[in-house]
Amino acid sequence: MKKIISIYFVACFLILLSLNLTFAEDVYYARCNLKVIKGDNISWVNWQSTPTFIPAGTKLKVNKAGDTASLVRVDTGASYKLDIGADGDMFLEKFVSKKPISIDKFLPEVQANIRKAIAKIGMTKEEVYIAMGPPTNIDNARTNDKTFENIMHSDSWVYARRRFGKNIGVAFDPNTGRVSRTEGIWGD
């Protein structure tokens, strides 16, 4: 009888352990094109010089550990790191969403711009965000402690190209919410 009880407890423990591991990873979708630098690091800097990015809408398994999140592509199994710092979920939500993201609802011209990760005059804030990701500055303030919603309410976005390079600016018309001007975008 003791042997049966021991086996039962071991089996219960293993089941609970496997359930815990299952819930440690959450399924998300790339909110925007995620720029990959240095092999497996996701960043919002050097956006146009980044040769690799994970397309917006890609299904990801996300595991948070301290100030880092591990993002694993469901389709390929490739693993990436994102420094989420002390802000944790607030920072992570700038890059991923629990809701599926699709660019199919946009005009073909806009879809092409999103696939090239560029902003063009006439695009909406949502379209620019999906294409280029979170800006480093809005309205002359860093976005480290800003939420996705804070960013979407701003009409002036700045992206850092590199530490000493010219920044990229995107201005939105406050009445229409569409891009009225861009600066520093290659091929613009």
N, C-alpha and C. Protein backbone atom coordinates (compact mmCIF):
# COMPACT_ATOMS: atom_id res chain seq x y z
N MET A 1 0.81 -1.19 0.00
CA MET A 1 0.00 0.00 0.00
C MET A 1 0.86 1.27 0.00
N LYS A 2 1.95 1.29 0.81
CA LYS A 2 2.85 2.45 0.86
C LYS A 2 3.47 2.69 -0.51
N LYS A 3 3.78 1.62 -1.23
CA LYS A 3 4.40 1.74 -2.55
C LYS A 3 3.42 2.40 -3.53
N ILE A 4 2.16 2.04 -3.46
CA ILE A 4 1.14 2.62 -4.34
C ILE A 4 0.97 4.11 -4.02
N ILE A 5 0.93 4.46 -2.74
CA ILE A 5 0.80 5.86 -2.34
C ILE A 5 2.02 6.66 -2.79
N SER A 6 3.20 6.10 -2.66
CA SER A 6 4.43 6.78 -3.09
C SER A 6 4.40 7.02 -4.59
N ILE A 7 4.01 6.03 -5.35
CA ILE A 7 3.93 6.17 -6.80
C ILE A 7 2.90 7.24 -7.16
N TYR A 8 1.79 7.24 -6.44
CA TYR A 8 0.73 8.23 -6.67
C TYR A 8 1.26 9.65 -6.44
N PHE A 9 1.97 9.87 -5.33
CA PHE A 9 2.51 11.19 -5.02
C PHE A 9 3.57 11.61 -6.04
N VAL A 10 4.41 10.71 -6.46
CA VAL A 10 5.42 11.02 -7.48
C VAL A 10 4.73 11.40 -8.79
N ALA A 11 3.69 10.63 -9.15
CA ALA A 11 2.96 10.93 -10.38
C ALA A 11 2.29 12.30 -10.29
N CYS A 12 1.67 12.62 -9.15
CA CYS A 12 1.04 13.93 -8.95
C CYS A 12 2.07 15.05 -9.03
N PHE A 13 3.22 14.84 -8.41
CA PHE A 13 4.29 15.83 -8.43
C PHE A 13 4.75 16.08 -9.87
N LEU A 14 4.95 15.03 -10.64
CA LEU A 14 5.38 15.19 -12.03
C LEU A 14 4.33 15.91 -12.87
N ILE A 15 3.07 15.61 -12.63
CA ILE A 15 2.00 16.30 -13.37
C ILE A 15 2.00 17.79 -13.01
N LEU A 16 2.10 18.10 -11.73
CA LEU A 16 2.13 19.51 -11.31
C LEU A 16 3.35 20.23 -11.86
N LEU A 17 4.47 19.56 -11.87
CA LEU A 17 5.69 20.14 -12.41
C LEU A 17 5.53 20.44 -13.89
N SER A 18 4.95 19.52 -14.64
CA SER A 18 4.77 19.76 -16.07
C SER A 18 3.76 20.87 -16.32
N LEU A 19 2.71 20.96 -15.51
CA LEU A 19 1.75 22.05 -15.65
C LEU A 19 2.41 23.39 -15.37
N ASN A 20 3.25 23.45 -14.38
CA ASN A 20 3.97 24.68 -14.04
C ASN A 20 4.85 25.11 -15.20
N LEU A 21 5.54 24.20 -15.83
CA LEU A 21 6.39 24.54 -16.96
C LEU A 21 5.56 25.03 -18.14
N THR A 22 4.38 24.45 -18.33
CA THR A 22 3.51 24.86 -19.42
C THR A 22 3.05 26.30 -19.22
N PHE A 23 2.70 26.68 -18.00
CA PHE A 23 2.21 28.02 -17.76
C PHE A 23 3.32 29.05 -17.67
N ALA A 24 4.59 28.65 -17.62
CA ALA A 24 5.70 29.59 -17.53
C ALA A 24 5.86 30.36 -18.84
N GLU A 25 5.46 29.75 -19.96
CA GLU A 25 5.55 30.41 -21.25
C GLU A 25 4.16 30.85 -21.69
N ASP A 26 4.03 32.10 -22.09
CA ASP A 26 2.77 32.62 -22.59
C ASP A 26 2.88 32.82 -24.09
N VAL A 27 1.77 32.65 -24.80
CA VAL A 27 1.75 32.86 -26.24
C VAL A 27 1.37 34.30 -26.54
N TYR A 28 2.18 34.95 -27.36
CA TYR A 28 1.98 36.32 -27.78
C TYR A 28 2.17 36.39 -29.29
N TYR A 29 1.97 37.60 -29.82
CA TYR A 29 2.21 37.87 -31.24
C TYR A 29 3.09 39.11 -31.32
N ALA A 30 3.99 39.12 -32.29
CA ALA A 30 4.83 40.30 -32.48
C ALA A 30 3.93 41.48 -32.82
N ARG A 31 3.94 42.52 -31.98
CA ARG A 31 3.10 43.71 -32.17
C ARG A 31 3.60 44.52 -33.37
N CYS A 32 4.88 44.37 -33.67
CA CYS A 32 5.52 45.15 -34.73
C CYS A 32 6.67 44.31 -35.29
N ASN A 33 7.31 44.81 -36.33
CA ASN A 33 8.52 44.15 -36.82
C ASN A 33 9.57 44.26 -35.72
N LEU A 34 10.06 43.12 -35.25
CA LEU A 34 11.04 43.10 -34.16
C LEU A 34 12.44 43.03 -34.74
N LYS A 35 13.23 44.07 -34.53
CA LYS A 35 14.58 44.14 -35.07
C LYS A 35 15.55 43.29 -34.27
N VAL A 36 16.29 42.44 -34.97
CA VAL A 36 17.23 41.52 -34.32
C VAL A 36 18.65 42.00 -34.59
N ILE A 37 19.42 42.20 -33.50
CA ILE A 37 20.82 42.60 -33.64
C ILE A 37 21.69 41.59 -32.90
N LYS A 38 22.95 41.56 -33.26
CA LYS A 38 23.94 40.69 -32.60
C LYS A 38 23.45 39.25 -32.47
N GLY A 39 22.86 38.72 -33.52
CA GLY A 39 22.46 37.33 -33.54
C GLY A 39 21.10 37.02 -32.98
N ASP A 40 20.85 37.37 -31.70
CA ASP A 40 19.57 36.98 -31.11
C ASP A 40 18.99 38.01 -30.15
N ASN A 41 19.44 39.24 -30.22
CA ASN A 41 18.92 40.29 -29.34
C ASN A 41 17.93 41.17 -30.09
N ILE A 42 16.79 41.42 -29.48
CA ILE A 42 15.78 42.29 -30.08
C ILE A 42 16.00 43.70 -29.53
N SER A 43 15.99 44.68 -30.44
CA SER A 43 16.27 46.06 -30.05
C SER A 43 15.39 47.02 -30.83
N TRP A 44 15.28 48.25 -30.33
CA TRP A 44 14.59 49.28 -31.11
C TRP A 44 15.57 50.30 -31.65
N VAL A 45 16.84 50.05 -31.50
CA VAL A 45 17.87 50.93 -32.03
C VAL A 45 18.43 50.33 -33.33
N ASN A 46 18.99 51.19 -34.18
CA ASN A 46 19.54 50.77 -35.48
C ASN A 46 18.49 50.11 -36.35
N TRP A 47 17.31 50.62 -36.32
CA TRP A 47 16.20 49.94 -36.99
C TRP A 47 16.40 49.76 -38.48
N GLN A 48 16.93 50.75 -39.21
CA GLN A 48 17.07 50.56 -40.65
C GLN A 48 18.32 49.78 -41.03
N SER A 49 19.32 49.78 -40.17
CA SER A 49 20.53 49.05 -40.50
C SER A 49 20.47 47.60 -40.02
N THR A 50 19.36 47.21 -39.42
CA THR A 50 19.20 45.85 -38.93
C THR A 50 18.80 44.96 -40.10
N PRO A 51 19.66 44.01 -40.49
CA PRO A 51 19.34 43.18 -41.65
C PRO A 51 18.26 42.14 -41.38
N THR A 52 18.02 41.83 -40.11
CA THR A 52 17.07 40.77 -39.77
C THR A 52 15.99 41.31 -38.85
N PHE A 53 14.76 40.92 -39.11
CA PHE A 53 13.70 41.22 -38.16
C PHE A 53 12.65 40.12 -38.20
N ILE A 54 11.96 39.99 -37.08
CA ILE A 54 10.85 39.05 -36.97
C ILE A 54 9.61 39.82 -37.42
N PRO A 55 8.90 39.32 -38.44
CA PRO A 55 7.75 40.07 -38.96
C PRO A 55 6.63 40.25 -37.94
N ALA A 56 5.97 41.39 -38.03
CA ALA A 56 4.79 41.66 -37.18
C ALA A 56 3.79 40.53 -37.37
N GLY A 57 3.16 40.14 -36.27
CA GLY A 57 2.16 39.08 -36.31
C GLY A 57 2.70 37.69 -36.05
N THR A 58 4.03 37.54 -36.01
CA THR A 58 4.63 36.22 -35.77
C THR A 58 4.23 35.73 -34.38
N LYS A 59 3.80 34.48 -34.31
CA LYS A 59 3.39 33.88 -33.04
C LYS A 59 4.65 33.52 -32.25
N LEU A 60 4.66 33.93 -30.97
CA LEU A 60 5.84 33.76 -30.11
C LEU A 60 5.45 33.16 -28.77
N LYS A 61 6.32 32.35 -28.22
CA LYS A 61 6.20 31.91 -26.83
C LYS A 61 7.14 32.81 -26.04
N VAL A 62 6.61 33.41 -24.98
CA VAL A 62 7.38 34.37 -24.20
C VAL A 62 7.54 33.84 -22.78
N ASN A 63 8.78 33.87 -22.31
CA ASN A 63 9.09 33.47 -20.95
C ASN A 63 9.88 34.60 -20.30
N LYS A 64 9.33 35.15 -19.22
CA LYS A 64 9.98 36.25 -18.53
C LYS A 64 10.79 35.71 -17.35
N ALA A 65 12.02 36.18 -17.24
CA ALA A 65 12.89 35.80 -16.12
C ALA A 65 13.68 37.04 -15.71
N GLY A 66 13.28 37.63 -14.59
CA GLY A 66 13.98 38.83 -14.12
C GLY A 66 13.76 39.98 -15.08
N ASP A 67 14.86 40.61 -15.54
CA ASP A 67 14.76 41.75 -16.43
C ASP A 67 14.93 41.38 -17.90
N THR A 68 14.78 40.08 -18.22
CA THR A 68 14.92 39.61 -19.59
C THR A 68 13.72 38.75 -19.98
N ALA A 69 13.33 38.86 -21.23
CA ALA A 69 12.29 37.99 -21.77
C ALA A 69 12.90 37.17 -22.88
N SER A 70 12.56 35.91 -22.90
CA SER A 70 12.96 35.02 -23.98
C SER A 70 11.77 34.88 -24.92
N LEU A 71 11.98 35.15 -26.20
CA LEU A 71 10.93 35.04 -27.20
C LEU A 71 11.31 33.93 -28.17
N VAL A 72 10.45 32.95 -28.32
CA VAL A 72 10.71 31.81 -29.20
C VAL A 72 9.65 31.79 -30.29
N ARG A 73 10.11 31.81 -31.54
CA ARG A 73 9.19 31.74 -32.67
C ARG A 73 8.54 30.36 -32.69
N VAL A 74 7.23 30.32 -32.73
CA VAL A 74 6.51 29.05 -32.76
C VAL A 74 6.77 28.32 -34.08
N ASP A 75 6.88 29.07 -35.19
CA ASP A 75 7.04 28.45 -36.50
C ASP A 75 8.43 27.86 -36.75
N THR A 76 9.47 28.45 -36.16
CA THR A 76 10.83 27.97 -36.44
C THR A 76 11.56 27.45 -35.21
N GLY A 77 11.11 27.82 -34.02
CA GLY A 77 11.81 27.43 -32.79
C GLY A 77 12.99 28.32 -32.46
N ALA A 78 13.27 29.32 -33.32
CA ALA A 78 14.39 30.24 -33.07
C ALA A 78 14.11 31.05 -31.81
N SER A 79 15.15 31.25 -31.00
CA SER A 79 15.01 31.93 -29.71
C SER A 79 15.73 33.27 -29.73
N TYR A 80 15.11 34.27 -29.10
CA TYR A 80 15.64 35.62 -29.05
C TYR A 80 15.53 36.16 -27.63
N LYS A 81 16.34 37.18 -27.33
CA LYS A 81 16.32 37.83 -26.01
C LYS A 81 15.89 39.28 -26.15
N LEU A 82 15.13 39.74 -25.15
CA LEU A 82 14.71 41.12 -25.09
C LEU A 82 14.92 41.60 -23.66
N ASP A 83 15.70 42.68 -23.51
CA ASP A 83 15.92 43.27 -22.19
C ASP A 83 14.69 44.10 -21.84
N ILE A 84 13.92 43.65 -20.85
CA ILE A 84 12.70 44.36 -20.47
C ILE A 84 12.91 45.23 -19.24
N GLY A 85 14.09 45.15 -18.63
CA GLY A 85 14.43 46.00 -17.50
C GLY A 85 13.46 45.90 -16.35
N ALA A 86 13.49 46.90 -15.52
CA ALA A 86 12.65 46.93 -14.32
C ALA A 86 11.18 47.14 -14.66
N ASP A 87 10.91 47.67 -15.86
CA ASP A 87 9.52 47.94 -16.23
C ASP A 87 8.76 46.69 -16.64
N GLY A 88 9.47 45.61 -16.91
CA GLY A 88 8.86 44.32 -17.18
C GLY A 88 7.75 44.31 -18.21
N ASP A 89 6.53 44.01 -17.75
CA ASP A 89 5.40 43.86 -18.65
C ASP A 89 5.11 45.11 -19.46
N MET A 90 5.22 46.29 -18.86
CA MET A 90 4.96 47.52 -19.58
C MET A 90 5.90 47.66 -20.79
N PHE A 91 7.15 47.33 -20.60
CA PHE A 91 8.13 47.40 -21.69
C PHE A 91 7.86 46.30 -22.71
N LEU A 92 7.60 45.09 -22.23
CA LEU A 92 7.35 43.95 -23.11
C LEU A 92 6.15 44.21 -24.02
N GLU A 93 5.11 44.83 -23.49
CA GLU A 93 3.90 45.06 -24.27
C GLU A 93 4.09 46.05 -25.41
N LYS A 94 5.21 46.74 -25.44
CA LYS A 94 5.51 47.60 -26.59
C LYS A 94 5.90 46.74 -27.79
N PHE A 95 6.34 45.52 -27.54
CA PHE A 95 6.86 44.65 -28.60
C PHE A 95 5.95 43.49 -28.94
N VAL A 96 5.15 43.04 -27.99
CA VAL A 96 4.29 41.88 -28.23
C VAL A 96 2.87 42.16 -27.73
N SER A 97 1.92 41.38 -28.24
CA SER A 97 0.52 41.54 -27.89
C SER A 97 -0.12 40.17 -27.71
N LYS A 98 -1.06 40.08 -26.81
CA LYS A 98 -1.83 38.85 -26.64
C LYS A 98 -2.80 38.67 -27.82
N LYS A 99 -3.19 39.77 -28.46
CA LYS A 99 -4.09 39.72 -29.60
C LYS A 99 -3.30 39.46 -30.88
N PRO A 100 -3.80 38.59 -31.76
CA PRO A 100 -3.12 38.39 -33.05
C PRO A 100 -3.03 39.70 -33.83
N ILE A 101 -1.92 39.88 -34.50
CA ILE A 101 -1.67 41.07 -35.32
C ILE A 101 -1.61 40.61 -36.78
N SER A 102 -2.32 41.33 -37.65
CA SER A 102 -2.30 41.00 -39.07
C SER A 102 -2.21 42.29 -39.88
N ILE A 103 -1.42 42.26 -40.94
CA ILE A 103 -1.32 43.43 -41.81
C ILE A 103 -2.23 43.28 -43.03
N ASP A 104 -2.96 42.18 -43.12
CA ASP A 104 -3.83 41.92 -44.27
C ASP A 104 -4.93 42.96 -44.45
N LYS A 105 -5.32 43.64 -43.39
CA LYS A 105 -6.41 44.62 -43.47
C LYS A 105 -5.96 45.94 -44.12
N PHE A 106 -4.65 46.11 -44.30
CA PHE A 106 -4.13 47.36 -44.86
C PHE A 106 -4.04 47.28 -46.38
N LEU A 107 -3.97 48.45 -47.01
CA LEU A 107 -3.79 48.52 -48.46
C LEU A 107 -2.49 47.84 -48.87
N PRO A 108 -2.43 47.28 -50.07
CA PRO A 108 -1.20 46.61 -50.52
C PRO A 108 0.06 47.48 -50.43
N GLU A 109 -0.06 48.77 -50.73
CA GLU A 109 1.07 49.70 -50.65
C GLU A 109 1.57 49.81 -49.20
N VAL A 110 0.64 49.87 -48.26
CA VAL A 110 1.00 49.96 -46.83
C VAL A 110 1.63 48.64 -46.38
N GLN A 111 1.07 47.52 -46.81
CA GLN A 111 1.65 46.21 -46.47
C GLN A 111 3.10 46.13 -46.95
N ALA A 112 3.36 46.65 -48.15
CA ALA A 112 4.74 46.64 -48.69
C ALA A 112 5.65 47.50 -47.81
N ASN A 113 5.18 48.66 -47.37
CA ASN A 113 5.98 49.52 -46.49
C ASN A 113 6.25 48.82 -45.16
N ILE A 114 5.24 48.15 -44.62
CA ILE A 114 5.43 47.42 -43.36
C ILE A 114 6.46 46.32 -43.54
N ARG A 115 6.41 45.59 -44.64
CA ARG A 115 7.39 44.52 -44.90
C ARG A 115 8.81 45.07 -45.06
N LYS A 116 8.92 46.34 -45.49
CA LYS A 116 10.23 46.99 -45.62
C LYS A 116 10.61 47.72 -44.34
N ALA A 117 9.69 47.75 -43.37
CA ALA A 117 9.91 48.41 -42.06
C ALA A 117 10.18 49.90 -42.22
N ILE A 118 9.37 50.55 -43.06
CA ILE A 118 9.51 52.00 -43.24
C ILE A 118 8.17 52.71 -43.10
N ALA A 119 8.23 53.99 -42.75
CA ALA A 119 7.05 54.84 -42.66
C ALA A 119 7.01 55.75 -43.88
N LYS A 120 5.81 55.96 -44.39
CA LYS A 120 5.61 56.86 -45.52
C LYS A 120 4.48 57.82 -45.19
N ILE A 121 4.51 58.97 -45.83
CA ILE A 121 3.45 59.97 -45.65
C ILE A 121 2.10 59.33 -45.97
N GLY A 122 1.14 59.57 -45.07
CA GLY A 122 -0.21 59.05 -45.25
C GLY A 122 -0.52 57.82 -44.41
N MET A 123 0.52 57.17 -43.87
CA MET A 123 0.29 55.99 -43.04
C MET A 123 -0.27 56.42 -41.68
N THR A 124 -1.04 55.53 -41.05
CA THR A 124 -1.58 55.80 -39.72
C THR A 124 -0.55 55.46 -38.65
N LYS A 125 -0.84 55.86 -37.42
CA LYS A 125 0.06 55.53 -36.31
C LYS A 125 0.17 54.02 -36.14
N GLU A 126 -0.94 53.32 -36.25
CA GLU A 126 -0.92 51.86 -36.12
C GLU A 126 -0.01 51.25 -37.18
N GLU A 127 -0.13 51.70 -38.41
CA GLU A 127 0.68 51.16 -39.51
C GLU A 127 2.16 51.44 -39.30
N VAL A 128 2.50 52.66 -38.85
CA VAL A 128 3.90 53.01 -38.60
C VAL A 128 4.44 52.19 -37.44
N TYR A 129 3.67 52.05 -36.39
CA TYR A 129 4.12 51.27 -35.23
C TYR A 129 4.40 49.83 -35.62
N ILE A 130 3.49 49.24 -36.40
CA ILE A 130 3.69 47.86 -36.84
C ILE A 130 4.95 47.76 -37.71
N ALA A 131 5.17 48.74 -38.56
CA ALA A 131 6.33 48.73 -39.46
C ALA A 131 7.64 48.95 -38.72
N MET A 132 7.68 49.94 -37.82
CA MET A 132 8.95 50.39 -37.25
C MET A 132 9.12 50.09 -35.77
N GLY A 133 8.06 49.71 -35.09
CA GLY A 133 8.17 49.42 -33.67
C GLY A 133 8.07 50.67 -32.83
N PRO A 134 8.37 50.54 -31.53
CA PRO A 134 8.25 51.69 -30.64
C PRO A 134 9.37 52.70 -30.88
N PRO A 135 9.03 53.99 -30.91
CA PRO A 135 10.08 55.00 -31.05
C PRO A 135 10.85 55.13 -29.74
N THR A 136 12.06 55.66 -29.82
CA THR A 136 12.85 55.88 -28.60
C THR A 136 12.43 57.14 -27.87
N ASN A 137 11.83 58.10 -28.61
CA ASN A 137 11.37 59.34 -28.02
C ASN A 137 10.02 59.72 -28.61
N ILE A 138 9.18 60.34 -27.77
CA ILE A 138 7.94 60.97 -28.24
C ILE A 138 7.87 62.35 -27.60
N ASP A 139 7.49 63.34 -28.39
CA ASP A 139 7.35 64.70 -27.87
C ASP A 139 8.53 65.11 -26.99
N ASN A 140 9.75 64.83 -27.44
CA ASN A 140 11.00 65.19 -26.75
C ASN A 140 11.20 64.49 -25.40
N ALA A 141 10.58 63.34 -25.20
CA ALA A 141 10.77 62.58 -23.96
C ALA A 141 11.06 61.12 -24.31
N ARG A 142 11.98 60.51 -23.57
CA ARG A 142 12.30 59.09 -23.77
C ARG A 142 11.05 58.24 -23.55
N THR A 143 10.95 57.12 -24.23
CA THR A 143 9.77 56.27 -24.09
C THR A 143 10.01 55.05 -23.20
N ASN A 144 11.16 54.99 -22.53
CA ASN A 144 11.44 53.84 -21.66
C ASN A 144 10.31 53.58 -20.67
N ASP A 145 9.77 54.65 -20.08
CA ASP A 145 8.72 54.48 -19.07
C ASP A 145 7.33 54.82 -19.62
N LYS A 146 7.21 54.87 -20.94
CA LYS A 146 5.91 55.14 -21.57
C LYS A 146 5.26 53.83 -22.01
N THR A 147 3.94 53.81 -21.95
CA THR A 147 3.20 52.63 -22.38
C THR A 147 2.93 52.71 -23.89
N PHE A 148 2.47 51.61 -24.43
CA PHE A 148 2.05 51.57 -25.83
C PHE A 148 0.99 52.65 -26.07
N GLU A 149 0.04 52.78 -25.16
CA GLU A 149 -1.02 53.77 -25.30
C GLU A 149 -0.46 55.19 -25.27
N ASN A 150 0.53 55.47 -24.39
CA ASN A 150 1.17 56.80 -24.35
C ASN A 150 1.76 57.13 -25.72
N ILE A 151 2.44 56.17 -26.30
CA ILE A 151 3.09 56.38 -27.60
C ILE A 151 2.04 56.68 -28.66
N MET A 152 0.95 55.91 -28.67
CA MET A 152 -0.07 56.07 -29.70
C MET A 152 -0.80 57.42 -29.59
N HIS A 153 -0.73 58.09 -28.45
CA HIS A 153 -1.38 59.39 -28.28
C HIS A 153 -0.45 60.56 -28.66
N SER A 154 0.78 60.27 -29.00
CA SER A 154 1.74 61.31 -29.35
C SER A 154 1.75 61.54 -30.86
N ASP A 155 2.07 62.76 -31.26
CA ASP A 155 2.13 63.10 -32.69
C ASP A 155 3.54 63.31 -33.22
N SER A 156 4.53 63.10 -32.38
CA SER A 156 5.92 63.27 -32.80
C SER A 156 6.76 62.10 -32.28
N TRP A 157 7.22 61.26 -33.21
CA TRP A 157 7.99 60.06 -32.85
C TRP A 157 9.41 60.18 -33.40
N VAL A 158 10.39 59.80 -32.58
CA VAL A 158 11.79 59.79 -33.00
C VAL A 158 12.36 58.40 -32.77
N TYR A 159 13.04 57.88 -33.78
CA TYR A 159 13.71 56.58 -33.71
C TYR A 159 15.21 56.82 -33.75
N ALA A 160 15.94 56.16 -32.85
CA ALA A 160 17.40 56.26 -32.85
C ALA A 160 17.95 55.32 -33.90
N ARG A 161 18.79 55.87 -34.77
CA ARG A 161 19.40 55.02 -35.80
C ARG A 161 20.62 54.32 -35.22
N ARG A 162 21.46 55.08 -34.56
CA ARG A 162 22.63 54.54 -33.86
C ARG A 162 23.09 55.61 -32.90
N ARG A 163 24.04 55.30 -32.08
CA ARG A 163 24.45 56.23 -31.02
C ARG A 163 24.80 57.62 -31.56
N PHE A 164 25.61 57.72 -32.63
CA PHE A 164 26.04 59.03 -33.12
C PHE A 164 25.50 59.34 -34.51
N GLY A 165 24.48 58.63 -34.95
CA GLY A 165 23.91 58.87 -36.27
C GLY A 165 22.70 59.77 -36.21
N LYS A 166 22.28 60.25 -37.36
CA LYS A 166 21.08 61.08 -37.44
C LYS A 166 19.87 60.23 -37.07
N ASN A 167 19.00 60.79 -36.25
CA ASN A 167 17.79 60.08 -35.86
C ASN A 167 16.76 60.11 -36.98
N ILE A 168 15.73 59.29 -36.85
CA ILE A 168 14.63 59.22 -37.79
C ILE A 168 13.43 59.86 -37.13
N GLY A 169 12.79 60.80 -37.80
CA GLY A 169 11.63 61.48 -37.25
C GLY A 169 10.38 61.17 -38.05
N VAL A 170 9.28 60.99 -37.34
CA VAL A 170 7.99 60.78 -37.97
C VAL A 170 6.99 61.71 -37.28
N ALA A 171 6.39 62.61 -38.06
CA ALA A 171 5.40 63.54 -37.51
C ALA A 171 4.02 63.17 -38.04
N PHE A 172 3.04 63.21 -37.12
CA PHE A 172 1.67 62.88 -37.48
C PHE A 172 0.81 64.14 -37.42
N ASP A 173 -0.11 64.26 -38.36
CA ASP A 173 -1.07 65.35 -38.34
C ASP A 173 -2.03 65.08 -37.17
N PRO A 174 -2.14 66.02 -36.21
CA PRO A 174 -2.99 65.79 -35.04
C PRO A 174 -4.48 65.62 -35.38
N ASN A 175 -4.90 66.14 -36.51
CA ASN A 175 -6.31 66.02 -36.91
C ASN A 175 -6.64 64.67 -37.54
N THR A 176 -5.70 64.12 -38.31
CA THR A 176 -5.99 62.87 -39.02
C THR A 176 -5.29 61.66 -38.41
N GLY A 177 -4.22 61.90 -37.64
CA GLY A 177 -3.45 60.79 -37.09
C GLY A 177 -2.59 60.09 -38.13
N ARG A 178 -2.41 60.73 -39.28
CA ARG A 178 -1.60 60.15 -40.36
C ARG A 178 -0.27 60.88 -40.48
N VAL A 179 0.73 60.17 -41.01
CA VAL A 179 2.06 60.75 -41.17
C VAL A 179 1.97 61.96 -42.10
N SER A 180 2.49 63.08 -41.62
CA SER A 180 2.53 64.31 -42.43
C SER A 180 3.96 64.63 -42.88
N ARG A 181 4.95 64.04 -42.17
CA ARG A 181 6.35 64.32 -42.51
C ARG A 181 7.25 63.22 -41.94
N THR A 182 8.31 62.91 -42.67
CA THR A 182 9.34 61.99 -42.17
C THR A 182 10.71 62.60 -42.43
N GLU A 183 11.66 62.26 -41.58
CA GLU A 183 13.05 62.72 -41.77
C GLU A 183 13.99 61.57 -41.50
N GLY A 184 14.99 61.41 -42.34
CA GLY A 184 16.05 60.44 -42.10
C GLY A 184 15.72 59.02 -42.50
N ILE A 185 14.61 58.79 -43.19
CA ILE A 185 14.26 57.43 -43.62
C ILE A 185 14.94 57.18 -44.96
N TRP A 186 15.71 56.12 -45.01
CA TRP A 186 16.42 55.78 -46.25
C TRP A 186 15.43 55.39 -47.33
N GLY A 187 15.72 55.84 -48.55
CA GLY A 187 14.87 55.50 -49.68
C GLY A 187 13.58 56.28 -49.69
N ASP A 188 13.52 57.31 -48.85
CA ASP A 188 12.30 58.12 -48.75
C ASP A 188 12.26 59.17 -49.84
